[in-house]
């Protein structure tokens, strides 16, 4: 498909950024938001997001408005139509003159179309016929890291994209929650923690619980640093399994944090160990060093952005990405606790 010629830039007065989900993708789109604010300092910028994730955007200093929408599957046709009608009325009342859709799915492109914005930007290589609903086509590149790919939108509009900044907000209430939560737990001399993010959205991206337990023992043998388990409500079983396999004292925050509290807790970590999931990108946005554990997915596309991290990738021959062909996920088991411990040592020394 031919791409639209680069326009003579007209400064938008009201700009809509559409990135509905998920946590990692929302965080990886924040540098695009920052670049748009640099390029259009006086514009009113709104972000449309799935209501489940709106907390992570609240208080961002480059945003004027967060617009939450509810998620409905295509099978929930009546609620879906009702939500689209509501979104259309709401968005058209805001009178946006530009809509930017880095997500590139049919739903996000449809929202862009329903907004009534006269300029609707989408990538030329997107899916689900989404390019039929936009009227400015931006050259995309699926070989770039997600952060750099999304920044192509801002670059197309002439906005300064360097340095890459996330500016992920941490609310005062979130910081107070983290202080209160940790007040009854032992602390290192400088109050820092080692964070272990125990789960991931997809099971084939999860590191084995026995490996987490062994890593906790290695950490206790060498440093008197508190270890905090991090994860969502769906990771409770994994957290309990880890605790049952070790006698190492662990601070258990799994399922106990909201999206406004999680960044405050990760910000207290000297290092975070995490698989391919949203917590990894939150840590990157906060400049918390990350040991990222990758098996079936590709770290050059969705791994931690920047240099203050170490990626351990087993490079499986199958490269099944999101459709695993096995049940025991040997690619994740192949990443040893010893190798993760060594990576933590290196990052601690690097950031001493």
Protein backbone atom coordinates (compact mmCIF):
# COMPACT_ATOMS: atom_id res chain seq x y z
CA UNK A 1 0.00 0.00 0.00
CA UNK A 2 1.31 3.45 -0.88
CA UNK A 3 1.97 5.67 2.11
CA UNK A 4 0.60 9.17 2.48
CA UNK A 5 2.95 12.01 1.57
CA UNK A 6 4.37 13.73 4.61
CA UNK A 7 2.05 16.68 5.24
CA UNK A 8 2.86 20.28 5.76
CA UNK A 9 2.51 20.20 9.50
CA UNK A 10 -0.44 22.06 10.90
CA UNK A 11 -0.25 22.35 14.65
CA UNK A 12 -3.07 20.26 16.13
CA UNK A 13 -5.13 21.95 18.80
CA UNK A 14 -6.85 18.81 20.11
CA UNK A 15 -5.03 15.50 19.74
CA UNK A 16 -6.29 12.00 20.55
CA UNK A 17 -3.80 9.17 21.21
CA UNK A 18 -5.38 5.70 21.06
CA UNK A 19 -3.64 2.88 22.93
CA UNK A 20 -6.20 0.74 24.71
CA UNK A 21 -4.02 -2.05 26.12
CA UNK A 22 -2.01 -3.78 27.50
CA UNK A 23 0.16 -2.52 30.39
CA UNK A 24 3.46 -3.10 28.57
CA UNK A 25 2.24 -1.56 25.33
CA UNK A 26 0.79 1.43 27.17
CA UNK A 27 4.10 2.06 28.92
CA UNK A 28 6.00 1.60 25.66
CA UNK A 29 3.78 4.25 24.05
CA UNK A 30 4.60 6.84 26.71
CA UNK A 31 7.76 8.07 24.88
CA UNK A 32 5.52 8.82 21.88
CA UNK A 33 3.28 10.89 24.17
CA UNK A 34 6.30 12.78 25.49
CA UNK A 35 7.52 13.43 21.93
CA UNK A 36 4.08 14.70 20.90
CA UNK A 37 4.10 17.10 23.84
CA UNK A 38 7.54 18.34 22.82
CA UNK A 39 6.32 18.92 19.28
CA UNK A 40 2.95 20.42 20.23
CA UNK A 41 3.45 22.07 23.63
CA UNK A 42 0.16 23.97 23.56
CA UNK A 43 -2.10 21.20 22.25
CA UNK A 44 -4.75 19.50 24.36
CA UNK A 45 -3.70 15.82 24.37
CA UNK A 46 -6.09 13.03 25.39
CA UNK A 47 -5.36 9.31 25.68
CA UNK A 48 -8.08 6.71 25.09
CA UNK A 49 -7.41 3.55 27.11
CA UNK A 50 -9.14 0.43 28.38
CA UNK A 51 -10.70 1.34 31.74
CA UNK A 52 -8.74 -1.49 33.44
CA UNK A 53 -5.46 0.33 32.77
CA UNK A 54 -6.38 4.00 33.21
CA UNK A 55 -4.67 4.24 36.63
CA UNK A 56 -1.22 3.91 35.12
CA UNK A 57 -1.77 7.07 33.05
CA UNK A 58 -3.29 9.23 35.78
CA UNK A 59 -1.03 12.15 36.61
CA UNK A 60 1.20 11.92 33.52
CA UNK A 61 2.57 15.43 33.04
CA UNK A 62 2.18 15.30 29.24
CA UNK A 63 -1.53 14.42 29.34
CA UNK A 64 -4.51 16.71 29.67
CA UNK A 65 -7.13 13.99 29.75
CA UNK A 66 -7.57 10.21 30.08
CA UNK A 67 -10.61 8.72 28.34
CA UNK A 68 -11.49 5.22 29.61
CA UNK A 69 -13.53 2.79 27.50
CA UNK A 70 -14.84 -0.64 28.39
CA UNK A 71 -13.71 -3.79 26.66
CA UNK A 72 -16.26 -6.04 24.98
CA UNK A 73 -15.61 -9.03 22.76
CA UNK A 74 -17.14 -9.33 19.30
CA UNK A 75 -19.55 -11.92 20.73
CA UNK A 76 -20.98 -9.34 23.13
CA UNK A 77 -22.54 -7.52 20.24
CA UNK A 78 -25.17 -5.45 22.08
CA UNK A 79 -22.83 -4.14 24.82
CA UNK A 80 -20.15 -3.55 22.18
CA UNK A 81 -22.47 -1.47 20.01
CA UNK A 82 -23.61 0.48 23.07
CA UNK A 83 -20.02 1.23 24.08
CA UNK A 84 -19.09 2.33 20.54
CA UNK A 85 -22.07 4.67 20.45
CA UNK A 86 -21.11 6.14 23.80
CA UNK A 87 -17.49 6.55 22.66
CA UNK A 88 -18.63 8.24 19.44
CA UNK A 89 -20.75 10.79 21.30
CA UNK A 90 -18.00 11.47 23.82
CA UNK A 91 -15.18 11.77 21.30
CA UNK A 92 -17.08 13.95 18.84
CA UNK A 93 -17.99 16.31 21.67
CA UNK A 94 -14.24 16.85 22.22
CA UNK A 95 -13.78 17.99 18.58
CA UNK A 96 -10.39 16.36 18.01
CA UNK A 97 -8.53 17.52 14.92
CA UNK A 98 -6.07 14.60 14.94
CA UNK A 99 -6.27 10.97 16.06
CA UNK A 100 -3.15 8.79 16.32
CA UNK A 101 -3.49 5.01 16.40
CA UNK A 102 -0.20 3.18 17.07
CA UNK A 103 -2.12 0.03 18.12
CA UNK A 104 -3.34 -0.68 14.60
CA UNK A 105 -6.19 -3.08 15.29
CA UNK A 106 -9.71 -2.92 13.92
CA UNK A 107 -11.16 -1.70 17.24
CA UNK A 108 -8.61 1.07 17.69
CA UNK A 109 -8.95 2.16 14.06
CA UNK A 110 -12.74 2.16 14.41
CA UNK A 111 -12.45 4.41 17.46
CA UNK A 112 -10.20 6.72 15.46
CA UNK A 113 -12.82 6.84 12.70
CA UNK A 114 -15.69 7.41 15.14
CA UNK A 115 -13.82 10.30 16.76
CA UNK A 116 -14.55 12.42 13.70
CA UNK A 117 -11.00 13.76 13.65
CA UNK A 118 -10.21 15.07 10.14
CA UNK A 119 -6.67 13.64 10.37
CA UNK A 120 -6.43 9.98 11.40
CA UNK A 121 -2.96 8.43 11.46
CA UNK A 122 -2.21 4.71 11.24
CA UNK A 123 0.72 2.51 10.23
CA UNK A 124 0.89 1.04 6.74
CA UNK A 125 1.61 -2.50 7.96
CA UNK A 126 -1.17 -3.01 10.46
CA UNK A 127 -3.74 -5.80 10.75
CA UNK A 128 -7.46 -6.46 10.59
CA UNK A 129 -8.10 -3.99 7.75
CA UNK A 130 -7.40 -1.12 10.15
CA UNK A 131 -5.73 0.89 7.39
CA UNK A 132 -9.13 1.25 5.69
CA UNK A 133 -10.34 3.49 8.52
CA UNK A 134 -7.45 5.98 8.65
CA UNK A 135 -6.64 8.67 6.11
CA UNK A 136 -2.91 9.24 6.75
CA UNK A 137 -0.62 6.27 6.41
CA UNK A 138 2.66 6.31 8.34
CA UNK A 139 5.48 3.96 7.25
CA UNK A 140 5.89 1.33 9.97
CA UNK A 141 8.60 -1.20 10.77
CA UNK A 142 7.78 -4.39 12.66
CA UNK A 143 11.51 -5.11 13.01
CA UNK A 144 11.93 -2.24 15.46
CA UNK A 145 11.50 -2.44 19.20
CA UNK A 146 7.95 -1.47 20.17
CA UNK A 147 9.11 1.83 21.72
CA UNK A 148 10.97 2.85 18.57
CA UNK A 149 8.17 1.66 16.31
CA UNK A 150 5.57 3.75 18.12
CA UNK A 151 7.91 6.76 18.02
CA UNK A 152 7.69 6.67 14.21
CA UNK A 153 4.28 8.34 14.60
CA UNK A 154 5.80 11.33 16.38
CA UNK A 155 8.72 11.42 13.97
CA UNK A 156 6.31 11.52 11.02
CA UNK A 157 4.71 14.61 12.57
CA UNK A 158 8.07 16.33 13.00
CA UNK A 159 8.21 15.98 16.80
CA UNK A 160 11.59 15.60 18.58
CA UNK A 161 11.87 11.96 19.65
CA UNK A 162 15.18 12.12 21.54
CA UNK A 163 15.94 11.57 24.30
CA UNK A 164 13.51 8.71 24.86
CA UNK A 165 11.56 9.55 28.01
CA UNK A 166 8.66 7.70 29.62
CA UNK A 167 7.84 10.01 32.56
CA UNK A 168 5.72 7.28 34.11
CA UNK A 169 4.02 8.94 37.08
CA UNK A 170 4.16 7.67 40.65
CA UNK A 171 1.40 9.17 42.75
CA UNK A 172 2.03 10.44 46.29
CA UNK A 173 -0.62 7.96 47.45
CA UNK A 174 1.28 5.16 45.73
CA UNK A 175 4.54 6.13 47.41
CA UNK A 176 2.81 6.27 50.79
CA UNK A 177 1.28 2.85 50.20
CA UNK A 178 4.71 1.37 49.40
CA UNK A 179 6.23 2.95 52.51
CA UNK A 180 3.42 1.60 54.69
CA UNK A 181 3.49 -1.85 53.09
CA UNK A 182 7.22 -2.22 53.63
CA UNK A 183 7.34 -0.64 57.09
CA UNK A 184 6.75 -3.94 58.85
CA UNK A 185 9.35 -5.83 56.83
CA UNK A 186 13.11 -6.01 57.22
CA UNK A 187 15.01 -3.56 55.05
CA UNK A 188 18.51 -3.32 53.68
CA UNK A 189 20.78 -0.51 54.81
CA UNK A 190 19.69 1.70 51.91
CA UNK A 191 16.07 0.57 51.96
CA UNK A 192 16.32 -1.20 48.59
CA UNK A 193 14.83 -4.51 47.56
CA UNK A 194 15.32 -7.26 45.02
CA UNK A 195 12.06 -7.66 43.13
CA UNK A 196 10.91 -10.97 41.65
CA UNK A 197 7.95 -10.61 39.30
CA UNK A 198 6.62 -14.14 39.45
CA UNK A 199 4.10 -14.31 36.60
CA UNK A 200 3.29 -13.29 33.06
CA UNK A 201 0.14 -12.85 31.01
CA UNK A 202 0.80 -16.07 29.10
CA UNK A 203 1.92 -19.26 30.92
CA UNK A 204 4.63 -20.12 28.38
CA UNK A 205 6.42 -16.89 29.33
CA UNK A 206 6.57 -17.79 33.04
CA UNK A 207 9.80 -18.86 34.71
CA UNK A 208 9.40 -22.03 36.83
CA UNK A 209 8.51 -21.49 40.50
CA UNK A 210 11.30 -23.86 41.56
CA UNK A 211 13.80 -21.60 39.78
CA UNK A 212 12.48 -18.56 41.66
CA UNK A 213 12.84 -20.45 44.96
CA UNK A 214 16.42 -21.45 44.14
CA UNK A 215 17.26 -17.88 43.12
CA UNK A 216 15.92 -16.59 46.46
CA UNK A 217 18.25 -18.99 48.28
CA UNK A 218 21.24 -17.86 46.22
CA UNK A 219 20.43 -14.23 46.98
CA UNK A 220 20.16 -14.85 50.73
CA UNK A 221 23.48 -16.71 50.75
CA UNK A 222 25.30 -13.65 49.38
CA UNK A 223 23.39 -10.53 50.41
CA UNK A 224 21.22 -9.42 53.26
CA UNK A 225 18.75 -7.75 50.94
CA UNK A 226 14.97 -8.17 51.28
CA UNK A 227 13.25 -9.99 48.44
CA UNK A 228 9.76 -8.95 47.37
CA UNK A 229 7.45 -11.08 45.23
CA UNK A 230 5.45 -9.06 42.71
CA UNK A 231 2.53 -10.09 40.54
CA UNK A 232 -1.17 -9.79 39.86
CA UNK A 233 -4.13 -11.59 41.48
CA UNK A 234 -3.81 -14.40 38.94
CA UNK A 235 -0.28 -15.14 40.19
CA UNK A 236 -1.28 -16.05 43.77
CA UNK A 237 -0.86 -19.80 43.18
CA UNK A 238 2.63 -19.28 41.79
CA UNK A 239 3.59 -17.12 44.76
CA UNK A 240 2.40 -19.77 47.22
CA UNK A 241 4.33 -22.44 45.31
CA UNK A 242 7.54 -20.39 45.53
CA UNK A 243 7.11 -19.88 49.28
CA UNK A 244 6.50 -23.59 49.82
CA UNK A 245 9.74 -24.49 48.04
CA UNK A 246 12.04 -22.31 50.13
CA UNK A 247 12.61 -21.23 53.73
CA UNK A 248 13.96 -17.85 52.63
CA UNK A 249 11.85 -15.00 54.09
CA UNK A 250 9.95 -13.31 51.28
CA UNK A 251 7.84 -10.16 51.21
CA UNK A 252 4.68 -11.16 49.37
CA UNK A 253 3.04 -8.34 47.39
CA UNK A 254 1.47 -10.61 44.77
CA UNK A 255 -2.09 -9.56 44.13
CA UNK A 256 -1.86 -6.75 46.67
CA UNK A 257 -0.99 -3.81 44.40
CA UNK A 258 -3.11 -1.58 42.22
CA UNK A 259 -1.74 -0.07 39.02
CA UNK A 260 -1.01 3.15 40.90
CA UNK A 261 0.83 1.27 43.67
CA UNK A 262 2.87 -1.15 41.54
CA UNK A 263 5.23 1.52 40.10
CA UNK A 264 5.95 2.81 43.62
CA UNK A 265 6.97 -0.69 44.73
CA UNK A 266 9.09 -1.38 41.64
CA UNK A 267 10.78 2.00 42.14
CA UNK A 268 12.05 0.72 45.50
CA UNK A 269 13.83 -2.23 43.86
CA UNK A 270 17.55 -2.22 43.19
CA UNK A 271 16.91 -4.86 40.51
CA UNK A 272 13.77 -6.47 39.15
CA UNK A 273 13.74 -10.02 37.75
CA UNK A 274 10.86 -10.42 35.34
CA UNK A 275 9.67 -12.28 32.26
CA UNK A 276 8.07 -10.74 29.17
CA UNK A 277 5.28 -8.83 30.90
CA UNK A 278 4.13 -5.33 31.89
CA UNK A 279 6.22 -5.09 35.07
CA UNK A 280 9.37 -5.28 32.96
CA UNK A 281 8.42 -2.15 31.04
CA UNK A 282 7.30 -0.32 34.19
CA UNK A 283 10.76 -0.96 35.62
CA UNK A 284 12.44 0.36 32.47
CA UNK A 285 10.29 3.48 32.58
CA UNK A 286 11.42 4.08 36.18
CA UNK A 287 15.09 3.34 35.38
CA UNK A 288 15.02 0.30 37.65
CA UNK A 289 17.56 -2.25 36.32
CA UNK A 290 15.90 -5.39 34.93
CA UNK A 291 17.01 -8.97 34.45
CA UNK A 292 14.55 -10.00 31.72
CA UNK A 293 13.83 -13.69 31.16
CA UNK A 294 12.86 -14.58 27.59
CA UNK A 295 12.00 -17.91 26.01
CA UNK A 296 9.51 -18.04 23.13
CA UNK A 297 9.24 -14.31 22.50
CA UNK A 298 11.75 -11.92 20.95
CA UNK A 299 13.53 -9.43 23.25
CA UNK A 300 14.64 -7.15 20.41
CA UNK A 301 10.94 -6.43 19.79
CA UNK A 302 9.31 -6.55 23.24
CA UNK A 303 12.17 -6.74 25.72
CA UNK A 304 13.33 -3.99 28.05
CA UNK A 305 14.24 -0.84 26.14
CA UNK A 306 17.60 0.82 26.75
CA UNK A 307 20.88 -0.30 28.28
CA UNK A 308 20.24 -0.58 32.02
CA UNK A 309 19.18 -4.21 31.85
CA UNK A 310 20.33 -7.73 31.03
CA UNK A 311 18.27 -10.06 28.85
CA UNK A 312 18.64 -13.81 29.31
CA UNK A 313 17.16 -15.45 26.23
CA UNK A 314 17.22 -19.19 25.68
CA UNK A 315 16.67 -18.74 21.90
CA UNK A 316 14.48 -21.82 21.35
CA UNK A 317 14.53 -23.35 17.89
CA UNK A 318 10.73 -23.48 17.77
CA UNK A 319 10.25 -19.71 18.34
CA UNK A 320 6.54 -20.32 18.92
CA UNK A 321 5.93 -16.73 20.09
CA UNK A 322 2.27 -16.78 21.21
CA UNK A 323 1.32 -20.30 20.08
CA UNK A 324 3.38 -22.80 22.08
CA UNK A 325 3.63 -26.33 20.75
CA UNK A 326 4.72 -27.83 24.10
CA UNK A 327 3.33 -27.96 27.62
CA UNK A 328 6.40 -27.86 29.84
CA UNK A 329 8.07 -24.83 28.20
CA UNK A 330 11.70 -26.06 28.18
CA UNK A 331 12.88 -22.71 26.83
CA UNK A 332 11.99 -21.01 30.13
CA UNK A 333 13.32 -23.90 32.24
CA UNK A 334 16.64 -23.59 30.35
CA UNK A 335 17.33 -20.23 32.03
CA UNK A 336 19.10 -21.32 35.21
CA UNK A 337 18.82 -19.61 38.61
CA UNK A 338 22.61 -19.36 38.64
CA UNK A 339 22.66 -17.34 35.40
CA UNK A 340 19.98 -14.99 36.77
CA UNK A 341 21.95 -14.56 39.99
CA UNK A 342 25.07 -13.65 38.02
CA UNK A 343 23.08 -11.10 36.00
CA UNK A 344 21.77 -9.54 39.23
CA UNK A 345 25.34 -9.29 40.51
CA UNK A 346 26.43 -7.55 37.33
CA UNK A 347 23.58 -5.02 37.43
CA UNK A 348 24.16 -4.25 41.11
CA UNK A 349 27.85 -3.67 40.44
CA UNK A 350 27.03 -1.55 37.40
CA UNK A 351 24.57 0.62 39.33
CA UNK A 352 26.45 0.74 42.63
